[in-house]
Amino acid sequence: MVDWKRIIVGNAFRLPSRDPRYYLDLALIVPLFFAGLFLLESLQGIRTGRWELHQTGIAAGLVCLFLLLIKDHIRVIAEILYTLAFLAWWHYAMHGDRESLKFYLFFFLGLVLTIFVGAVFRALVLKTPIDPMYYHPDKGTSVAGIVLVLGLLFAIAVVGIAFAYR
């Protein structure tokens, strides 16, 4: 008997982790990144007036909320630092700007320190093992399947936001 479902769909809907918290962490990377940038931007003008103080409080609250929702803080913060380091390196490679090279080194050093200090803290202080269901992917996972599922979720979110807005 021919399994048409396997022939047509294949491994497209296999996901990289069986833990739903993994996907919550993936989804919270972007809002945490922008809330952190908003917090840094609002901290620059903290002494100029009350409105900046109000913005800083909102941004700090959002950063704290997103950090509370994240399961693996080290991984998410390391991914954000990696993104910033890559963007700074890319700018340096394209334009030769020395300032972006400084930012690249700063973010890369922060990435290494985050991973090292986080691993030492987890091993020595928390003494908690890594959850194998959280990290280890299924063997049949394909990049196309991940892109398809994330694209489907993004499309549903955009349509839902559009309906909610109207």
N, C-alpha and C. Protein backbone atom coordinates (compact mmCIF):
# COMPACT_ATOMS: atom_id res chain seq x y z
N MET A 1 0.84 -1.18 0.00
CA MET A 1 0.00 0.00 0.00
C MET A 1 0.89 1.25 0.00
N VAL A 2 0.51 2.22 -0.80
CA VAL A 2 1.29 3.45 -0.95
C VAL A 2 0.84 4.47 0.10
N ASP A 3 1.81 5.04 0.80
CA ASP A 3 1.52 6.05 1.80
C ASP A 3 1.60 7.43 1.14
N TRP A 4 0.45 7.93 0.64
CA TRP A 4 0.41 9.18 -0.10
C TRP A 4 0.74 10.38 0.79
N LYS A 5 0.37 10.29 2.03
CA LYS A 5 0.66 11.39 2.94
C LYS A 5 2.17 11.59 3.07
N ARG A 6 2.90 10.51 3.18
CA ARG A 6 4.36 10.61 3.29
C ARG A 6 4.99 11.07 1.97
N ILE A 7 4.42 10.64 0.83
CA ILE A 7 4.96 11.03 -0.47
C ILE A 7 4.72 12.52 -0.72
N ILE A 8 3.53 13.02 -0.41
CA ILE A 8 3.20 14.42 -0.70
C ILE A 8 3.82 15.36 0.32
N VAL A 9 3.64 15.09 1.60
CA VAL A 9 4.10 15.99 2.64
C VAL A 9 5.54 15.70 3.03
N GLY A 10 5.90 14.43 3.13
CA GLY A 10 7.25 14.06 3.52
C GLY A 10 7.53 14.45 4.95
N ASN A 11 8.69 15.01 5.19
CA ASN A 11 9.09 15.43 6.53
C ASN A 11 8.92 16.93 6.72
N ALA A 12 8.03 17.55 5.95
CA ALA A 12 7.91 19.01 5.97
C ALA A 12 7.46 19.54 7.32
N PHE A 13 6.64 18.81 8.04
CA PHE A 13 6.12 19.33 9.28
C PHE A 13 6.81 18.76 10.52
N ARG A 14 7.96 18.15 10.33
CA ARG A 14 8.75 17.75 11.50
C ARG A 14 9.48 18.97 12.03
N LEU A 15 9.44 19.14 13.30
CA LEU A 15 10.00 20.33 13.92
C LEU A 15 11.30 19.99 14.64
N PRO A 16 12.17 20.99 14.84
CA PRO A 16 13.46 20.70 15.43
C PRO A 16 13.44 20.30 16.91
N SER A 17 12.37 20.56 17.62
CA SER A 17 12.32 20.19 19.02
C SER A 17 10.91 19.75 19.37
N ARG A 18 10.83 18.92 20.38
CA ARG A 18 9.51 18.47 20.84
C ARG A 18 9.01 19.30 22.01
N ASP A 19 9.82 20.23 22.47
CA ASP A 19 9.45 21.07 23.60
C ASP A 19 8.83 22.36 23.08
N PRO A 20 7.57 22.66 23.45
CA PRO A 20 6.96 23.90 22.97
C PRO A 20 7.63 25.16 23.50
N ARG A 21 8.34 25.06 24.63
CA ARG A 21 9.05 26.22 25.16
C ARG A 21 10.18 26.67 24.22
N TYR A 22 10.72 25.75 23.46
CA TYR A 22 11.75 26.06 22.48
C TYR A 22 11.23 27.10 21.48
N TYR A 23 9.99 26.92 21.03
CA TYR A 23 9.39 27.82 20.05
C TYR A 23 8.97 29.13 20.68
N LEU A 24 8.61 29.11 21.95
CA LEU A 24 8.33 30.36 22.65
C LEU A 24 9.61 31.19 22.75
N ASP A 25 10.72 30.53 23.05
CA ASP A 25 11.99 31.25 23.09
C ASP A 25 12.35 31.82 21.72
N LEU A 26 12.13 31.05 20.67
CA LEU A 26 12.39 31.56 19.32
C LEU A 26 11.51 32.76 19.00
N ALA A 27 10.26 32.71 19.40
CA ALA A 27 9.35 33.80 19.10
C ALA A 27 9.66 35.04 19.92
N LEU A 28 10.25 34.87 21.10
CA LEU A 28 10.53 36.02 21.97
C LEU A 28 11.87 36.70 21.68
N ILE A 29 12.66 36.14 20.77
CA ILE A 29 13.95 36.77 20.45
C ILE A 29 13.74 38.15 19.86
N VAL A 30 12.84 38.27 18.90
CA VAL A 30 12.64 39.54 18.21
C VAL A 30 12.06 40.62 19.13
N PRO A 31 10.98 40.36 19.89
CA PRO A 31 10.49 41.43 20.76
C PRO A 31 11.48 41.82 21.85
N LEU A 32 12.23 40.84 22.38
CA LEU A 32 13.24 41.17 23.38
C LEU A 32 14.34 42.03 22.77
N PHE A 33 14.73 41.72 21.56
CA PHE A 33 15.75 42.50 20.85
C PHE A 33 15.30 43.95 20.70
N PHE A 34 14.09 44.16 20.21
CA PHE A 34 13.60 45.52 19.99
C PHE A 34 13.31 46.24 21.31
N ALA A 35 12.82 45.53 22.31
CA ALA A 35 12.60 46.16 23.62
C ALA A 35 13.93 46.57 24.24
N GLY A 36 14.97 45.74 24.05
CA GLY A 36 16.29 46.11 24.54
C GLY A 36 16.86 47.31 23.82
N LEU A 37 16.68 47.37 22.50
CA LEU A 37 17.13 48.55 21.75
C LEU A 37 16.36 49.79 22.18
N PHE A 38 15.06 49.65 22.41
CA PHE A 38 14.23 50.77 22.87
C PHE A 38 14.69 51.21 24.26
N LEU A 39 15.05 50.28 25.13
CA LEU A 39 15.54 50.61 26.46
C LEU A 39 16.87 51.36 26.37
N LEU A 40 17.78 50.86 25.54
CA LEU A 40 19.07 51.56 25.40
C LEU A 40 18.89 52.96 24.82
N GLU A 41 17.99 53.09 23.86
CA GLU A 41 17.74 54.40 23.25
C GLU A 41 17.11 55.35 24.25
N SER A 42 16.22 54.85 25.09
CA SER A 42 15.57 55.74 26.06
C SER A 42 16.49 56.05 27.24
N LEU A 43 17.48 55.20 27.50
CA LEU A 43 18.43 55.50 28.58
C LEU A 43 19.39 56.62 28.21
N GLN A 44 19.57 56.88 26.93
CA GLN A 44 20.47 57.95 26.52
C GLN A 44 19.95 59.32 26.92
N GLY A 45 18.65 59.49 26.93
CA GLY A 45 18.10 60.79 27.29
C GLY A 45 17.37 60.78 28.62
N ILE A 46 17.89 60.02 29.59
CA ILE A 46 17.17 59.84 30.86
C ILE A 46 17.12 61.12 31.70
N ARG A 47 18.09 62.01 31.54
CA ARG A 47 18.13 63.21 32.38
C ARG A 47 17.44 64.41 31.76
N THR A 48 16.89 64.26 30.58
CA THR A 48 16.33 65.43 29.90
C THR A 48 14.89 65.74 30.27
N GLY A 49 14.14 64.77 30.71
CA GLY A 49 12.76 65.07 31.07
C GLY A 49 11.99 63.86 31.52
N ARG A 50 10.75 64.08 31.93
CA ARG A 50 9.93 63.01 32.47
C ARG A 50 9.48 62.01 31.40
N TRP A 51 9.27 62.48 30.17
CA TRP A 51 8.78 61.57 29.13
C TRP A 51 9.79 60.47 28.86
N GLU A 52 11.08 60.78 28.84
CA GLU A 52 12.09 59.76 28.63
C GLU A 52 12.13 58.78 29.80
N LEU A 53 11.88 59.28 30.99
CA LEU A 53 11.84 58.41 32.17
C LEU A 53 10.65 57.45 32.06
N HIS A 54 9.54 57.94 31.57
CA HIS A 54 8.35 57.10 31.38
C HIS A 54 8.63 56.03 30.32
N GLN A 55 9.27 56.42 29.21
CA GLN A 55 9.62 55.46 28.17
C GLN A 55 10.61 54.42 28.69
N THR A 56 11.55 54.87 29.50
CA THR A 56 12.54 53.95 30.06
C THR A 56 11.86 52.92 30.96
N GLY A 57 10.91 53.36 31.75
CA GLY A 57 10.18 52.43 32.62
C GLY A 57 9.38 51.40 31.83
N ILE A 58 8.74 51.85 30.75
CA ILE A 58 7.98 50.92 29.91
C ILE A 58 8.92 49.92 29.24
N ALA A 59 10.02 50.42 28.70
CA ALA A 59 10.98 49.54 28.01
C ALA A 59 11.60 48.54 28.99
N ALA A 60 11.95 49.01 30.18
CA ALA A 60 12.52 48.10 31.18
C ALA A 60 11.51 47.06 31.61
N GLY A 61 10.25 47.45 31.74
CA GLY A 61 9.20 46.49 32.08
C GLY A 61 9.02 45.44 30.99
N LEU A 62 9.07 45.87 29.73
CA LEU A 62 8.96 44.91 28.63
C LEU A 62 10.14 43.94 28.61
N VAL A 63 11.34 44.46 28.82
CA VAL A 63 12.51 43.58 28.85
C VAL A 63 12.40 42.57 29.98
N CYS A 64 11.98 43.02 31.16
CA CYS A 64 11.81 42.10 32.29
C CYS A 64 10.71 41.07 32.00
N LEU A 65 9.60 41.50 31.40
CA LEU A 65 8.53 40.57 31.07
C LEU A 65 9.01 39.51 30.09
N PHE A 66 9.70 39.92 29.04
CA PHE A 66 10.18 38.96 28.05
C PHE A 66 11.23 38.02 28.66
N LEU A 67 12.08 38.53 29.55
CA LEU A 67 13.06 37.67 30.20
C LEU A 67 12.40 36.66 31.14
N LEU A 68 11.28 37.05 31.75
CA LEU A 68 10.56 36.10 32.60
C LEU A 68 9.89 34.99 31.79
N LEU A 69 9.48 35.31 30.56
CA LEU A 69 8.80 34.32 29.73
C LEU A 69 9.76 33.34 29.07
N ILE A 70 11.04 33.70 29.01
CA ILE A 70 12.02 32.87 28.31
C ILE A 70 12.50 31.76 29.24
N LYS A 71 12.63 30.56 28.70
CA LYS A 71 13.11 29.43 29.49
C LYS A 71 14.63 29.40 29.54
N ASP A 72 15.27 29.49 28.38
CA ASP A 72 16.73 29.41 28.32
C ASP A 72 17.29 30.79 28.02
N HIS A 73 17.54 31.55 29.09
CA HIS A 73 18.00 32.94 28.96
C HIS A 73 19.34 33.03 28.25
N ILE A 74 20.23 32.12 28.57
CA ILE A 74 21.58 32.16 28.01
C ILE A 74 21.53 32.05 26.49
N ARG A 75 20.76 31.11 26.01
CA ARG A 75 20.68 30.87 24.57
C ARG A 75 20.09 32.07 23.83
N VAL A 76 19.02 32.63 24.36
CA VAL A 76 18.36 33.75 23.69
C VAL A 76 19.25 34.99 23.69
N ILE A 77 19.87 35.29 24.82
CA ILE A 77 20.76 36.46 24.88
C ILE A 77 21.98 36.24 24.00
N ALA A 78 22.49 35.02 23.95
CA ALA A 78 23.61 34.72 23.06
C ALA A 78 23.22 34.88 21.60
N GLU A 79 22.01 34.49 21.24
CA GLU A 79 21.57 34.66 19.85
C GLU A 79 21.42 36.13 19.48
N ILE A 80 20.94 36.94 20.41
CA ILE A 80 20.83 38.37 20.16
C ILE A 80 22.21 38.99 20.00
N LEU A 81 23.14 38.63 20.89
CA LEU A 81 24.51 39.15 20.78
C LEU A 81 25.18 38.67 19.50
N TYR A 82 24.91 37.44 19.10
CA TYR A 82 25.47 36.93 17.84
C TYR A 82 24.93 37.72 16.65
N THR A 83 23.64 38.04 16.67
CA THR A 83 23.05 38.83 15.59
C THR A 83 23.69 40.21 15.53
N LEU A 84 23.85 40.86 16.68
CA LEU A 84 24.47 42.18 16.70
C LEU A 84 25.93 42.12 16.25
N ALA A 85 26.66 41.09 16.67
CA ALA A 85 28.05 40.94 16.25
C ALA A 85 28.14 40.70 14.75
N PHE A 86 27.25 39.87 14.22
CA PHE A 86 27.27 39.61 12.78
C PHE A 86 26.96 40.87 11.98
N LEU A 87 25.96 41.63 12.43
CA LEU A 87 25.62 42.86 11.72
C LEU A 87 26.76 43.88 11.77
N ALA A 88 27.44 43.98 12.91
CA ALA A 88 28.57 44.89 13.01
C ALA A 88 29.73 44.42 12.14
N TRP A 89 29.98 43.12 12.11
CA TRP A 89 31.03 42.59 11.24
C TRP A 89 30.68 42.83 9.77
N TRP A 90 29.43 42.61 9.42
CA TRP A 90 29.00 42.81 8.03
C TRP A 90 29.19 44.26 7.62
N HIS A 91 28.85 45.18 8.51
CA HIS A 91 29.04 46.61 8.21
C HIS A 91 30.51 46.93 8.05
N TYR A 92 31.35 46.35 8.90
CA TYR A 92 32.80 46.57 8.77
C TYR A 92 33.32 45.98 7.46
N ALA A 93 32.85 44.79 7.10
CA ALA A 93 33.32 44.16 5.86
C ALA A 93 32.89 44.95 4.63
N MET A 94 31.72 45.55 4.65
CA MET A 94 31.22 46.29 3.50
C MET A 94 31.78 47.70 3.42
N HIS A 95 31.93 48.37 4.56
CA HIS A 95 32.28 49.78 4.55
C HIS A 95 33.66 50.09 5.12
N GLY A 96 34.26 49.15 5.85
CA GLY A 96 35.57 49.38 6.45
C GLY A 96 35.54 50.37 7.60
N ASP A 97 34.41 50.51 8.25
CA ASP A 97 34.23 51.45 9.35
C ASP A 97 34.86 50.89 10.63
N ARG A 98 35.81 51.62 11.19
CA ARG A 98 36.50 51.15 12.41
C ARG A 98 35.56 51.11 13.62
N GLU A 99 34.58 51.98 13.65
CA GLU A 99 33.63 51.99 14.77
C GLU A 99 32.82 50.69 14.80
N SER A 100 32.43 50.20 13.63
CA SER A 100 31.69 48.94 13.60
C SER A 100 32.58 47.76 13.98
N LEU A 101 33.89 47.86 13.71
CA LEU A 101 34.81 46.82 14.16
C LEU A 101 34.88 46.78 15.69
N LYS A 102 34.86 47.96 16.31
CA LYS A 102 34.84 48.02 17.77
C LYS A 102 33.56 47.39 18.32
N PHE A 103 32.43 47.71 17.68
CA PHE A 103 31.17 47.11 18.12
C PHE A 103 31.18 45.60 17.92
N TYR A 104 31.76 45.14 16.80
CA TYR A 104 31.85 43.70 16.56
C TYR A 104 32.64 43.02 17.67
N LEU A 105 33.79 43.57 18.01
CA LEU A 105 34.61 42.98 19.07
C LEU A 105 33.89 43.03 20.41
N PHE A 106 33.19 44.12 20.68
CA PHE A 106 32.44 44.26 21.93
C PHE A 106 31.33 43.21 22.02
N PHE A 107 30.54 43.07 20.95
CA PHE A 107 29.44 42.10 20.97
C PHE A 107 29.96 40.67 20.97
N PHE A 108 31.04 40.40 20.25
CA PHE A 108 31.60 39.05 20.22
C PHE A 108 32.16 38.67 21.60
N LEU A 109 32.84 39.61 22.26
CA LEU A 109 33.32 39.36 23.62
C LEU A 109 32.15 39.13 24.57
N GLY A 110 31.08 39.92 24.41
CA GLY A 110 29.88 39.71 25.23
C GLY A 110 29.25 38.35 24.98
N LEU A 111 29.27 37.91 23.72
CA LEU A 111 28.74 36.58 23.38
C LEU A 111 29.55 35.48 24.06
N VAL A 112 30.86 35.56 23.97
CA VAL A 112 31.72 34.54 24.59
C VAL A 112 31.54 34.54 26.10
N LEU A 113 31.51 35.73 26.70
CA LEU A 113 31.34 35.81 28.16
C LEU A 113 29.96 35.31 28.59
N THR A 114 28.93 35.60 27.80
CA THR A 114 27.59 35.13 28.13
C THR A 114 27.53 33.61 28.13
N ILE A 115 28.10 33.00 27.11
CA ILE A 115 28.09 31.54 27.03
C ILE A 115 28.92 30.94 28.16
N PHE A 116 30.11 31.48 28.41
CA PHE A 116 31.00 30.93 29.44
C PHE A 116 30.40 31.09 30.84
N VAL A 117 29.99 32.32 31.17
CA VAL A 117 29.45 32.57 32.51
C VAL A 117 28.13 31.82 32.70
N GLY A 118 27.31 31.75 31.65
CA GLY A 118 26.05 31.03 31.75
C GLY A 118 26.26 29.54 31.97
N ALA A 119 27.22 28.96 31.25
CA ALA A 119 27.49 27.54 31.42
C ALA A 119 28.06 27.25 32.81
N VAL A 120 28.96 28.09 33.28
CA VAL A 120 29.54 27.90 34.62
C VAL A 120 28.45 28.08 35.69
N PHE A 121 27.59 29.08 35.52
CA PHE A 121 26.51 29.32 36.48
C PHE A 121 25.55 28.13 36.52
N ARG A 122 25.21 27.61 35.33
CA ARG A 122 24.29 26.46 35.29
C ARG A 122 24.92 25.23 35.93
N ALA A 123 26.20 25.01 35.67
CA ALA A 123 26.86 23.80 36.18
C ALA A 123 27.16 23.88 37.67
N LEU A 124 27.65 25.03 38.15
CA LEU A 124 28.10 25.13 39.53
C LEU A 124 27.04 25.61 40.51
N VAL A 125 26.21 26.56 40.08
CA VAL A 125 25.24 27.14 41.01
C VAL A 125 23.90 26.42 40.92
N LEU A 126 23.33 26.35 39.71
CA LEU A 126 22.01 25.74 39.57
C LEU A 126 22.06 24.22 39.64
N LYS A 127 23.15 23.64 39.16
CA LYS A 127 23.34 22.20 39.13
C LYS A 127 22.16 21.48 38.48
N THR A 128 21.70 22.06 37.36
CA THR A 128 20.60 21.45 36.62
C THR A 128 21.13 20.94 35.29
N PRO A 129 20.78 19.73 34.95
CA PRO A 129 21.21 19.22 33.65
C PRO A 129 20.41 19.87 32.52
N ILE A 130 20.96 19.79 31.34
CA ILE A 130 20.28 20.31 30.16
C ILE A 130 19.17 19.35 29.79
N ASP A 131 18.01 19.90 29.48
CA ASP A 131 16.86 19.10 29.07
C ASP A 131 17.11 18.57 27.66
N PRO A 132 17.25 17.24 27.49
CA PRO A 132 17.57 16.72 26.15
C PRO A 132 16.46 16.92 25.13
N MET A 133 15.21 16.99 25.57
CA MET A 133 14.10 17.19 24.64
C MET A 133 14.09 18.62 24.12
N TYR A 134 14.72 19.54 24.84
CA TYR A 134 14.71 20.96 24.45
C TYR A 134 15.68 21.22 23.29
N TYR A 135 16.85 20.61 23.35
CA TYR A 135 17.90 20.94 22.38
C TYR A 135 18.03 19.98 21.22
N HIS A 136 17.97 18.70 21.47
CA HIS A 136 18.31 17.73 20.43
C HIS A 136 17.21 17.63 19.39
N PRO A 137 17.54 17.91 18.15
CA PRO A 137 16.52 17.89 17.11
C PRO A 137 16.18 16.47 16.68
N ASP A 138 15.01 16.33 16.08
CA ASP A 138 14.65 15.06 15.46
C ASP A 138 15.55 14.83 14.27
N LYS A 139 15.81 13.58 13.95
CA LYS A 139 16.71 13.25 12.85
C LYS A 139 16.10 13.59 11.48
N GLY A 140 14.77 13.57 11.39
CA GLY A 140 14.13 13.79 10.09
C GLY A 140 13.80 15.25 9.80
N THR A 141 14.28 16.18 10.62
CA THR A 141 13.96 17.58 10.43
C THR A 141 14.71 18.14 9.23
N SER A 142 14.00 18.87 8.41
CA SER A 142 14.64 19.51 7.26
C SER A 142 14.51 21.02 7.39
N VAL A 143 15.41 21.73 6.76
CA VAL A 143 15.37 23.20 6.79
C VAL A 143 14.10 23.70 6.10
N ALA A 144 13.71 23.02 5.01
CA ALA A 144 12.49 23.42 4.31
C ALA A 144 11.27 23.26 5.21
N GLY A 145 11.24 22.22 6.02
CA GLY A 145 10.12 22.03 6.94
C GLY A 145 10.05 23.13 7.99
N ILE A 146 11.19 23.52 8.51
CA ILE A 146 11.22 24.59 9.51
C ILE A 146 10.75 25.90 8.89
N VAL A 147 11.25 26.21 7.69
CA VAL A 147 10.86 27.45 7.01
C VAL A 147 9.37 27.42 6.68
N LEU A 148 8.87 26.28 6.25
CA LEU A 148 7.46 26.15 5.91
C LEU A 148 6.58 26.37 7.14
N VAL A 149 6.93 25.76 8.24
CA VAL A 149 6.11 25.90 9.45
C VAL A 149 6.19 27.32 10.00
N LEU A 150 7.40 27.89 10.07
CA LEU A 150 7.53 29.26 10.57
C LEU A 150 6.84 30.26 9.63
N GLY A 151 6.92 30.03 8.32
CA GLY A 151 6.21 30.89 7.37
C GLY A 151 4.71 30.79 7.53
N LEU A 152 4.22 29.58 7.77
CA LEU A 152 2.79 29.39 7.99
C LEU A 152 2.34 30.11 9.26
N LEU A 153 3.11 29.98 10.34
CA LEU A 153 2.77 30.67 11.58
C LEU A 153 2.83 32.18 11.41
N PHE A 154 3.82 32.67 10.67
CA PHE A 154 3.95 34.11 10.43
C PHE A 154 2.77 34.62 9.61
N ALA A 155 2.36 33.86 8.59
CA ALA A 155 1.23 34.26 7.76
C ALA A 155 -0.06 34.30 8.57
N ILE A 156 -0.26 33.30 9.42
CA ILE A 156 -1.45 33.29 10.27
C ILE A 156 -1.42 34.49 11.23
N ALA A 157 -0.26 34.81 11.77
CA ALA A 157 -0.14 35.95 12.67
C ALA A 157 -0.43 37.26 11.96
N VAL A 158 0.09 37.42 10.74
CA VAL A 158 -0.14 38.66 9.98
C VAL A 158 -1.62 38.81 9.65
N VAL A 159 -2.26 37.74 9.22
CA VAL A 159 -3.68 37.81 8.91
C VAL A 159 -4.49 38.11 10.18
N GLY A 160 -4.11 37.49 11.28
CA GLY A 160 -4.81 37.75 12.55
C GLY A 160 -4.64 39.19 13.00
N ILE A 161 -3.45 39.74 12.87
CA ILE A 161 -3.21 41.13 13.25
C ILE A 161 -3.98 42.07 12.32
N ALA A 162 -4.02 41.73 11.03
CA ALA A 162 -4.76 42.57 10.07
C ALA A 162 -6.25 42.57 10.40
N PHE A 163 -6.81 41.40 10.75
CA PHE A 163 -8.22 41.35 11.13
C PHE A 163 -8.47 42.11 12.43
N ALA A 164 -7.56 41.97 13.37
CA ALA A 164 -7.73 42.67 14.65
C ALA A 164 -7.61 44.18 14.48
N TYR A 165 -6.76 44.61 13.58
CA TYR A 165 -6.57 46.04 13.34
C TYR A 165 -7.79 46.66 12.70
N ARG A 166 -8.43 45.92 11.78
CA ARG A 166 -9.61 46.46 11.09
C ARG A 166 -10.82 46.30 11.95
